[in-house]
Structures are given as structure tokens and as C-alpha cells.
């Protein structure tokens, strides 16, 4: 999922509001850390892939096999 800056801003404002209303530094820090962790963990990570295949086909019409391909890998942060 794409990173949602507006959500992070809202959560940071909430953490700062905790501090303004007298919450402990630990509570504010925990709230900020949770906001940042949630924001960063929501990121999609993509990377280009290039593959090369070589080998020998065994069977009727046996012979060398070659090929290549490209694509995109997609994952998440944890």
C-alpha cells in the first residue's frame, strides 16, 4: 500500500496533543513510535528482477534449453 502522509501527520498531532494534555514523555514517545512504525510498515517495496535459465532437456528431442525474463518483485516491510 502507498504511504499515507496525512495519516502519519494526524497520528503525530495526536501524540503531541497527549503531551499538551499532560501525558508522560513515555506515553508521547510510545505514541510517536507507533505512528512511525505503522507508517513505515505500510510501505510496498518493489524491485526489478532479471532471470536467466540454462539447462538440458532430457526426453524426445533432447537438447539445450535457455531462456530469460524480467519482472518486478513486490513485498512489504516487517
PDB file of N, CA and C in Angstrom:
ATOM      1  N   UNK A   1       0.861  -1.159   0.000  1.00  0.00           N
ATOM      2  CA  UNK A   1       0.000   0.000   0.000  1.00  0.00           C
ATOM      3  C   UNK A   1       0.914   1.231   0.000  1.00  0.00           C
ATOM      4  N   UNK A   2       0.472   2.284  -0.645  1.00  0.00           N
ATOM      5  CA  UNK A   2       1.281   3.504  -0.631  1.00  0.00           C
ATOM      6  C   UNK A   2       1.309   4.130   0.760  1.00  0.00           C
ATOM      7  N   UNK A   3       2.378   4.849   1.013  1.00  0.00           N
ATOM      8  CA  UNK A   3       2.495   5.531   2.300  1.00  0.00           C
ATOM      9  C   UNK A   3       1.519   6.708   2.354  1.00  0.00           C
ATOM     10  N   UNK A   4       0.816   6.832   3.460  1.00  0.00           N
ATOM     11  CA  UNK A   4      -0.199   7.874   3.612  1.00  0.00           C
ATOM     12  C   UNK A   4       0.304   8.931   4.587  1.00  0.00           C
ATOM     13  N   UNK A   5       0.888   9.981   4.034  1.00  0.00           N
ATOM     14  CA  UNK A   5       1.473  11.049   4.842  1.00  0.00           C
ATOM     15  C   UNK A   5       0.437  11.710   5.742  1.00  0.00           C
ATOM     16  N   UNK A   6      -0.768  11.911   5.254  1.00  0.00           N
ATOM     17  CA  UNK A   6      -1.814  12.576   6.041  1.00  0.00           C
ATOM     18  C   UNK A   6      -2.139  11.780   7.306  1.00  0.00           C
ATOM     19  N   UNK A   7      -2.148  10.461   7.202  1.00  0.00           N
ATOM     20  CA  UNK A   7      -2.411   9.624   8.372  1.00  0.00           C
ATOM     21  C   UNK A   7      -1.293   9.777   9.398  1.00  0.00           C
ATOM     22  N   UNK A   8      -0.045   9.783   8.931  1.00  0.00           N
ATOM     23  CA  UNK A   8       1.090   9.981   9.836  1.00  0.00           C
ATOM     24  C   UNK A   8       0.986  11.332  10.530  1.00  0.00           C
ATOM     25  N   UNK A   9       0.667  12.373   9.785  1.00  0.00           N
ATOM     26  CA  UNK A   9       0.529  13.706  10.383  1.00  0.00           C
ATOM     27  C   UNK A   9      -0.547  13.714  11.466  1.00  0.00           C
ATOM     28  N   UNK A  10      -1.672  13.072  11.195  1.00  0.00           N
ATOM     29  CA  UNK A  10      -2.763  13.011  12.173  1.00  0.00           C
ATOM     30  C   UNK A  10      -2.314  12.291  13.442  1.00  0.00           C
ATOM     31  N   UNK A  11      -1.591  11.178  13.262  1.00  0.00           N
ATOM     32  CA  UNK A  11      -1.136  10.420  14.427  1.00  0.00           C
ATOM     33  C   UNK A  11      -0.070  11.193  15.218  1.00  0.00           C
ATOM     34  N   UNK A  12       0.787  11.924  14.533  1.00  0.00           N
ATOM     35  CA  UNK A  12       1.788  12.753  15.229  1.00  0.00           C
ATOM     36  C   UNK A  12       1.094  13.857  16.011  1.00  0.00           C
ATOM     37  N   UNK A  13       0.107  14.498  15.401  1.00  0.00           N
ATOM     38  CA  UNK A  13      -0.647  15.542  16.109  1.00  0.00           C
ATOM     39  C   UNK A  13      -1.321  14.958  17.355  1.00  0.00           C
ATOM     40  N   UNK A  14      -1.827  13.740  17.250  1.00  0.00           N
ATOM     41  CA  UNK A  14      -2.440  13.079  18.404  1.00  0.00           C
ATOM     42  C   UNK A  14      -1.433  12.843  19.515  1.00  0.00           C
ATOM     43  N   UNK A  15      -0.220  12.430  19.131  1.00  0.00           N
ATOM     44  CA  UNK A  15       0.836  12.217  20.132  1.00  0.00           C
ATOM     45  C   UNK A  15       1.214  13.534  20.802  1.00  0.00           C
ATOM     46  N   UNK A  16       1.315  14.596  20.014  1.00  0.00           N
ATOM     47  CA  UNK A  16       1.658  15.904  20.576  1.00  0.00           C
ATOM     48  C   UNK A  16       0.539  16.417  21.488  1.00  0.00           C
ATOM     49  N   UNK A  17      -0.685  16.120  21.124  1.00  0.00           N
ATOM     50  CA  UNK A  17      -1.822  16.518  21.961  1.00  0.00           C
ATOM     51  C   UNK A  17      -1.767  15.804  23.309  1.00  0.00           C
ATOM     52  N   UNK A  18      -1.335  14.533  23.290  1.00  0.00           N
ATOM     53  CA  UNK A  18      -1.146  13.806  24.548  1.00  0.00           C
ATOM     54  C   UNK A  18      -0.186  14.571  25.458  1.00  0.00           C
ATOM     55  N   UNK A  19       0.935  15.009  24.867  1.00  0.00           N
ATOM     56  CA  UNK A  19       1.918  15.762  25.633  1.00  0.00           C
ATOM     57  C   UNK A  19       1.361  17.064  26.160  1.00  0.00           C
ATOM     58  N   UNK A  20       0.577  17.741  25.347  1.00  0.00           N
ATOM     59  CA  UNK A  20      -0.018  19.019  25.768  1.00  0.00           C
ATOM     60  C   UNK A  20      -1.023  18.834  26.892  1.00  0.00           C
ATOM     61  N   UNK A  21      -1.635  17.654  26.935  1.00  0.00           N
ATOM     62  CA  UNK A  21      -2.640  17.419  27.980  1.00  0.00           C
ATOM     63  C   UNK A  21      -2.040  16.785  29.229  1.00  0.00           C
ATOM     64  N   UNK A  22      -0.699  16.700  29.270  1.00  0.00           N
ATOM     65  CA  UNK A  22      -0.045  16.252  30.496  1.00  0.00           C
ATOM     66  C   UNK A  22       0.401  14.805  30.522  1.00  0.00           C
ATOM     67  N   UNK A  23       0.323  14.111  29.397  1.00  0.00           N
ATOM     68  CA  UNK A  23       0.787  12.717  29.372  1.00  0.00           C
ATOM     69  C   UNK A  23       2.296  12.672  29.605  1.00  0.00           C
ATOM     70  N   UNK A  24       2.768  11.533  30.056  1.00  0.00           N
ATOM     71  CA  UNK A  24       4.201  11.379  30.323  1.00  0.00           C
ATOM     72  C   UNK A  24       4.990  11.346  29.016  1.00  0.00           C
ATOM     73  N   UNK A  25       6.283  11.617  29.141  1.00  0.00           N
ATOM     74  CA  UNK A  25       7.162  11.541  27.965  1.00  0.00           C
ATOM     75  C   UNK A  25       7.125  10.141  27.357  1.00  0.00           C
ATOM     76  N   UNK A  26       7.043   9.126  28.209  1.00  0.00           N
ATOM     77  CA  UNK A  26       6.995   7.750  27.730  1.00  0.00           C
ATOM     78  C   UNK A  26       5.751   7.506  26.872  1.00  0.00           C
ATOM     79  N   UNK A  27       4.623   8.032  27.300  1.00  0.00           N
ATOM     80  CA  UNK A  27       3.383   7.859  26.534  1.00  0.00           C
ATOM     81  C   UNK A  27       3.463   8.575  25.187  1.00  0.00           C
ATOM     82  N   UNK A  28       4.008   9.786  25.195  1.00  0.00           N
ATOM     83  CA  UNK A  28       4.160  10.545  23.949  1.00  0.00           C
ATOM     84  C   UNK A  28       5.137   9.826  23.021  1.00  0.00           C
ATOM     85  N   UNK A  29       6.260   9.377  23.564  1.00  0.00           N
ATOM     86  CA  UNK A  29       7.252   8.668  22.754  1.00  0.00           C
ATOM     87  C   UNK A  29       6.669   7.386  22.180  1.00  0.00           C
ATOM     88  N   UNK A  30       5.908   6.649  22.977  1.00  0.00           N
ATOM     89  CA  UNK A  30       5.282   5.410  22.513  1.00  0.00           C
ATOM     90  C   UNK A  30       4.301   5.699  21.381  1.00  0.00           C
ATOM     91  N   UNK A  31       3.514   6.755  21.534  1.00  0.00           N
ATOM     92  CA  UNK A  31       2.544   7.127  20.503  1.00  0.00           C
ATOM     93  C   UNK A  31       3.241   7.533  19.207  1.00  0.00           C
ATOM     94  N   UNK A  32       4.317   8.314  19.324  1.00  0.00           N
ATOM     95  CA  UNK A  32       5.088   8.699  18.136  1.00  0.00           C
ATOM     96  C   UNK A  32       5.720   7.479  17.471  1.00  0.00           C
ATOM     97  N   UNK A  33       6.307   6.599  18.292  1.00  0.00           N
ATOM     98  CA  UNK A  33       6.938   5.391  17.745  1.00  0.00           C
ATOM     99  C   UNK A  33       5.919   4.520  17.023  1.00  0.00           C
ATOM    100  N   UNK A  34       4.735   4.371  17.598  1.00  0.00           N
ATOM    101  CA  UNK A  34       3.681   3.579  16.950  1.00  0.00           C
ATOM    102  C   UNK A  34       3.257   4.211  15.626  1.00  0.00           C
ATOM    103  N   UNK A  35       3.132   5.537  15.603  1.00  0.00           N
ATOM    104  CA  UNK A  35       2.744   6.230  14.369  1.00  0.00           C
ATOM    105  C   UNK A  35       3.784   6.012  13.276  1.00  0.00           C
ATOM    106  N   UNK A  36       5.051   6.152  13.635  1.00  0.00           N
ATOM    107  CA  UNK A  36       6.124   5.988  12.647  1.00  0.00           C
ATOM    108  C   UNK A  36       6.210   4.537  12.194  1.00  0.00           C
ATOM    109  N   UNK A  37       6.112   3.604  13.136  1.00  0.00           N
ATOM    110  CA  UNK A  37       6.173   2.178  12.790  1.00  0.00           C
ATOM    111  C   UNK A  37       5.031   1.803  11.840  1.00  0.00           C
ATOM    112  N   UNK A  38       3.836   2.244  12.157  1.00  0.00           N
ATOM    113  CA  UNK A  38       2.678   1.948  11.304  1.00  0.00           C
ATOM    114  C   UNK A  38       2.871   2.531   9.907  1.00  0.00           C
ATOM    115  N   UNK A  39       3.365   3.759   9.846  1.00  0.00           N
ATOM    116  CA  UNK A  39       3.598   4.437   8.561  1.00  0.00           C
ATOM    117  C   UNK A  39       4.619   3.674   7.712  1.00  0.00           C
ATOM    118  N   UNK A  40       5.756   3.357   8.304  1.00  0.00           N
ATOM    119  CA  UNK A  40       6.827   2.711   7.552  1.00  0.00           C
ATOM    120  C   UNK A  40       6.451   1.277   7.174  1.00  0.00           C
ATOM    121  N   UNK A  41       5.777   0.572   8.064  1.00  0.00           N
ATOM    122  CA  UNK A  41       5.413  -0.825   7.794  1.00  0.00           C
ATOM    123  C   UNK A  41       4.358  -0.949   6.700  1.00  0.00           C
ATOM    124  N   UNK A  42       3.670   0.129   6.398  1.00  0.00           N
ATOM    125  CA  UNK A  42       2.641   0.095   5.360  1.00  0.00           C
ATOM    126  C   UNK A  42       3.232   0.177   3.959  1.00  0.00           C
ATOM    127  N   UNK A  43       4.528   0.398   3.847  1.00  0.00           N
ATOM    128  CA  UNK A  43       5.163   0.605   2.540  1.00  0.00           C
ATOM    129  C   UNK A  43       5.164  -0.667   1.703  1.00  0.00           C
ATOM    130  N   UNK A  44       4.948  -0.506   0.414  1.00  0.00           N
ATOM    131  CA  UNK A  44       5.183  -1.571  -0.559  1.00  0.00           C
ATOM    132  C   UNK A  44       6.603  -1.394  -1.076  1.00  0.00           C
ATOM    133  N   UNK A  45       7.298  -2.478  -1.226  1.00  0.00           N
ATOM    134  CA  UNK A  45       8.659  -2.446  -1.740  1.00  0.00           C
ATOM    135  C   UNK A  45       8.672  -3.192  -3.063  1.00  0.00           C
ATOM    136  N   UNK A  46       9.170  -2.552  -4.115  1.00  0.00           N
ATOM    137  CA  UNK A  46       9.277  -3.225  -5.408  1.00  0.00           C
ATOM    138  C   UNK A  46      10.724  -3.207  -5.868  1.00  0.00           C
ATOM    139  N   UNK A  47      11.088  -4.247  -6.582  1.00  0.00           N
ATOM    140  CA  UNK A  47      12.451  -4.345  -7.090  1.00  0.00           C
ATOM    141  C   UNK A  47      12.422  -5.034  -8.450  1.00  0.00           C
ATOM    142  N   UNK A  48      13.234  -4.578  -9.396  1.00  0.00           N
ATOM    143  CA  UNK A  48      13.268  -5.240 -10.702  1.00  0.00           C
ATOM    144  C   UNK A  48      13.964  -6.601 -10.593  1.00  0.00           C
ATOM    145  N   UNK A  49      13.508  -7.552 -11.394  1.00  0.00           N
ATOM    146  CA  UNK A  49      14.080  -8.893 -11.423  1.00  0.00           C
ATOM    147  C   UNK A  49      14.527  -9.236 -12.831  1.00  0.00           C
ATOM    148  N   UNK A  50      15.644  -9.907 -12.935  1.00  0.00           N
ATOM    149  CA  UNK A  50      16.107 -10.452 -14.207  1.00  0.00           C
ATOM    150  C   UNK A  50      16.480 -11.898 -13.960  1.00  0.00           C
ATOM    151  N   UNK A  51      15.965 -12.799 -14.796  1.00  0.00           N
ATOM    152  CA  UNK A  51      16.258 -14.214 -14.625  1.00  0.00           C
ATOM    153  C   UNK A  51      16.920 -14.770 -15.873  1.00  0.00           C
ATOM    154  N   UNK A  52      17.749 -15.768 -15.656  1.00  0.00           N
ATOM    155  CA  UNK A  52      18.387 -16.485 -16.758  1.00  0.00           C
ATOM    156  C   UNK A  52      18.257 -17.968 -16.450  1.00  0.00           C
ATOM    157  N   UNK A  53      17.810 -18.735 -17.436  1.00  0.00           N
ATOM    158  CA  UNK A  53      17.632 -20.171 -17.265  1.00  0.00           C
ATOM    159  C   UNK A  53      18.484 -20.890 -18.307  1.00  0.00           C
ATOM    160  N   UNK A  54      19.278 -21.840 -17.843  1.00  0.00           N
ATOM    161  CA  UNK A  54      20.034 -22.698 -18.765  1.00  0.00           C
ATOM    162  C   UNK A  54      19.934 -24.124 -18.260  1.00  0.00           C
ATOM    163  N   UNK A  55      19.967 -25.053 -19.154  1.00  0.00           N
ATOM    164  CA  UNK A  55      19.896 -26.456 -18.753  1.00  0.00           C
ATOM    165  C   UNK A  55      19.827 -27.341 -19.971  1.00  0.00           C
ATOM    166  N   UNK A  56      19.551 -28.597 -19.722  1.00  0.00           N
ATOM    167  CA  UNK A  56      19.444 -29.575 -20.798  1.00  0.00           C
ATOM    168  C   UNK A  56      18.121 -30.299 -20.661  1.00  0.00           C
ATOM    169  N   UNK A  57      17.354 -30.304 -21.728  1.00  0.00           N
ATOM    170  CA  UNK A  57      16.100 -31.038 -21.764  1.00  0.00           C
ATOM    171  C   UNK A  57      16.420 -32.501 -22.026  1.00  0.00           C
ATOM    172  N   UNK A  58      15.850 -33.383 -21.210  1.00  0.00           N
ATOM    173  CA  UNK A  58      16.059 -34.814 -21.393  1.00  0.00           C
ATOM    174  C   UNK A  58      14.723 -35.415 -21.787  1.00  0.00           C
ATOM    175  N   UNK A  59      14.693 -36.055 -22.926  1.00  0.00           N
ATOM    176  CA  UNK A  59      13.466 -36.662 -23.416  1.00  0.00           C
ATOM    177  C   UNK A  59      13.519 -36.684 -24.931  1.00  0.00           C
ATOM    178  N   UNK A  60      12.380 -36.869 -25.559  1.00  0.00           N
ATOM    179  CA  UNK A  60      12.328 -36.871 -27.016  1.00  0.00           C
ATOM    180  C   UNK A  60      12.760 -35.501 -27.522  1.00  0.00           C
ATOM    181  N   UNK A  61      13.727 -35.481 -28.402  1.00  0.00           N
ATOM    182  CA  UNK A  61      14.243 -34.231 -28.919  1.00  0.00           C
ATOM    183  C   UNK A  61      15.132 -33.527 -27.907  1.00  0.00           C
ATOM    184  N   UNK A  62      15.902 -34.287 -27.120  1.00  0.00           N
ATOM    185  CA  UNK A  62      16.756 -33.731 -26.075  1.00  0.00           C
ATOM    186  C   UNK A  62      17.705 -32.686 -26.636  1.00  0.00           C
ATOM    187  N   UNK A  63      17.993 -31.679 -25.852  1.00  0.00           N
ATOM    188  CA  UNK A  63      18.913 -30.640 -26.278  1.00  0.00           C
ATOM    189  C   UNK A  63      18.989 -29.531 -25.253  1.00  0.00           C
ATOM    190  N   UNK A  64      19.778 -28.516 -25.543  1.00  0.00           N
ATOM    191  CA  UNK A  64      19.939 -27.424 -24.582  1.00  0.00           C
ATOM    192  C   UNK A  64      18.662 -26.578 -24.459  1.00  0.00           C
ATOM    193  N   UNK A  65      18.490 -26.027 -23.284  1.00  0.00           N
ATOM    194  CA  UNK A  65      17.355 -25.139 -23.008  1.00  0.00           C
ATOM    195  C   UNK A  65      17.921 -23.848 -22.437  1.00  0.00           C
ATOM    196  N   UNK A  66      17.522 -22.732 -23.018  1.00  0.00           N
ATOM    197  CA  UNK A  66      17.930 -21.437 -22.483  1.00  0.00           C
ATOM    198  C   UNK A  66      16.726 -20.511 -22.473  1.00  0.00           C
ATOM    199  N   UNK A  67      16.771 -19.513 -21.632  1.00  0.00           N
ATOM    200  CA  UNK A  67      15.689 -18.536 -21.579  1.00  0.00           C
ATOM    201  C   UNK A  67      16.043 -17.426 -20.623  1.00  0.00           C
ATOM    202  N   UNK A  68      15.293 -16.371 -20.704  1.00  0.00           N
ATOM    203  CA  UNK A  68      15.498 -15.262 -19.781  1.00  0.00           C
ATOM    204  C   UNK A  68      14.176 -14.540 -19.589  1.00  0.00           C
ATOM    205  N   UNK A  69      14.132 -13.706 -18.590  1.00  0.00           N
ATOM    206  CA  UNK A  69      12.908 -12.962 -18.341  1.00  0.00           C
ATOM    207  C   UNK A  69      13.171 -11.801 -17.413  1.00  0.00           C
ATOM    208  N   UNK A  70      12.207 -10.917 -17.352  1.00  0.00           N
ATOM    209  CA  UNK A  70      12.284  -9.782 -16.446  1.00  0.00           C
ATOM    210  C   UNK A  70      10.940  -9.638 -15.756  1.00  0.00           C
ATOM    211  N   UNK A  71      10.925  -8.922 -14.682  1.00  0.00           N
ATOM    212  CA  UNK A  71       9.682  -8.704 -13.965  1.00  0.00           C
ATOM    213  C   UNK A  71       9.916  -7.768 -12.798  1.00  0.00           C
ATOM    214  N   UNK A  72       8.938  -7.709 -11.934  1.00  0.00           N
ATOM    215  CA  UNK A  72       9.017  -6.866 -10.744  1.00  0.00           C
ATOM    216  C   UNK A  72       8.609  -7.695  -9.542  1.00  0.00           C
ATOM    217  N   UNK A  73       9.435  -7.680  -8.505  1.00  0.00           N
ATOM    218  CA  UNK A  73       9.086  -8.329  -7.245  1.00  0.00           C
ATOM    219  C   UNK A  73       8.431  -7.315  -6.327  1.00  0.00           C
ATOM    220  N   UNK A  74       7.456  -7.765  -5.560  1.00  0.00           N
ATOM    221  CA  UNK A  74       6.754  -6.853  -4.651  1.00  0.00           C
ATOM    222  C   UNK A  74       6.712  -7.482  -3.263  1.00  0.00           C
ATOM    223  N   UNK A  75       6.987  -6.688  -2.244  1.00  0.00           N
ATOM    224  CA  UNK A  75       6.962  -7.174  -0.877  1.00  0.00           C
ATOM    225  C   UNK A  75       6.580  -6.069   0.078  1.00  0.00           C
ATOM    226  N   UNK A  76       6.626  -6.393   1.348  1.00  0.00           N
ATOM    227  CA  UNK A  76       6.316  -5.412   2.377  1.00  0.00           C
ATOM    228  C   UNK A  76       7.449  -5.377   3.398  1.00  0.00           C
ATOM    229  N   UNK A  77       7.497  -4.332   4.176  1.00  0.00           N
ATOM    230  CA  UNK A  77       8.461  -4.230   5.265  1.00  0.00           C
ATOM    231  C   UNK A  77       7.866  -4.857   6.510  1.00  0.00           C
ATOM    232  N   UNK A  78       8.705  -5.449   7.318  1.00  0.00           N
ATOM    233  CA  UNK A  78       8.207  -6.016   8.567  1.00  0.00           C
ATOM    234  C   UNK A  78       9.121  -5.627   9.710  1.00  0.00           C
TER     235      UNK A  78
END
